[in-house]
Amino acid sequence: MLFRSLFKNEVVKMIEMQIETLKENLTTIHKMENFTFSDYKEIVGKIEGLRLALEYCEEAERITNATT
């Protein structure tokens, strides 16, 4: 149980760090001349995908805690 919790916490931290990095990139990159709406959509899509991964982590934890 402890290993599972530690693993999940580390994965969540890494995902949250990546989300923050993408958000920072979004705020600085939009000032570039060649920044397009496609670039914006790509970054926002990655952020949304990572947020979905966080939701899956929480759901997986609920499932495993219910069965143990």
Protein backbone atom coordinates (compact mmCIF):
# COMPACT_ATOMS: atom_id res chain seq x y z
CA MET A 1 0.00 0.00 0.00
CA LEU A 2 2.76 2.45 0.89
CA PHE A 3 4.61 1.91 -2.39
CA ARG A 4 1.42 2.45 -4.35
CA SER A 5 0.76 5.74 -2.55
CA LEU A 6 4.33 6.94 -3.04
CA PHE A 7 4.25 6.00 -6.70
CA LYS A 8 0.93 7.78 -7.28
CA ASN A 9 2.14 10.89 -5.45
CA GLU A 10 5.27 11.08 -7.59
CA VAL A 11 3.33 10.60 -10.82
CA VAL A 12 0.86 13.32 -9.79
CA LYS A 13 3.71 15.71 -8.93
CA MET A 14 5.37 15.10 -12.29
CA ILE A 15 2.11 15.65 -14.18
CA GLU A 16 1.36 18.84 -12.22
CA MET A 17 4.87 20.15 -12.95
CA GLN A 18 4.37 19.50 -16.66
CA ILE A 19 1.01 21.30 -16.60
CA GLU A 20 2.67 24.32 -14.96
CA THR A 21 5.46 24.29 -17.54
CA LEU A 22 2.95 24.21 -20.39
CA LYS A 23 0.95 27.05 -18.82
CA GLU A 24 4.12 29.14 -18.47
CA ASN A 25 5.02 28.38 -22.09
CA LEU A 26 1.56 29.45 -23.18
CA THR A 27 1.88 32.81 -21.45
CA THR A 28 5.29 33.56 -22.98
CA ILE A 29 4.95 31.94 -26.41
CA HIS A 30 1.80 33.84 -27.36
CA LYS A 31 3.94 36.99 -27.64
CA MET A 32 5.96 35.50 -30.50
CA GLU A 33 5.17 36.67 -34.02
CA ASN A 34 4.80 33.23 -35.52
CA PHE A 35 2.50 31.92 -32.77
CA THR A 36 -0.63 30.50 -34.37
CA PHE A 37 -4.00 29.38 -33.14
CA SER A 38 -2.90 25.81 -33.92
CA ASP A 39 0.03 26.24 -31.51
CA TYR A 40 -2.39 27.48 -28.86
CA LYS A 41 -4.76 24.56 -29.40
CA GLU A 42 -1.90 22.08 -29.20
CA ILE A 43 -0.67 23.40 -25.84
CA VAL A 44 -4.18 23.65 -24.41
CA GLY A 45 -4.89 20.11 -25.61
CA LYS A 46 -1.78 18.80 -23.86
CA ILE A 47 -2.83 20.54 -20.65
CA GLU A 48 -6.31 19.05 -20.89
CA GLY A 49 -4.86 15.60 -21.54
CA LEU A 50 -2.63 15.85 -18.48
CA ARG A 51 -5.55 17.00 -16.34
CA LEU A 52 -7.48 13.97 -17.56
CA ALA A 53 -4.54 11.78 -16.54
CA LEU A 54 -4.77 13.28 -13.04
CA GLU A 55 -8.46 12.38 -12.93
CA TYR A 56 -7.60 8.82 -13.97
CA CYS A 57 -5.03 8.63 -11.17
CA GLU A 58 -7.66 9.64 -8.65
CA GLU A 59 -10.18 7.17 -10.07
CA ALA A 60 -7.63 4.34 -10.05
CA GLU A 61 -6.81 5.13 -6.43
CA ARG A 62 -10.50 5.03 -5.48
CA ILE A 63 -10.93 1.68 -7.22
CA THR A 64 -7.86 0.10 -5.64
CA ASN A 65 -8.72 1.42 -2.19
CA ALA A 66 -12.22 0.01 -2.47
CA THR A 67 -10.94 -3.45 -3.35
CA THR A 68 -8.27 -3.70 -0.63
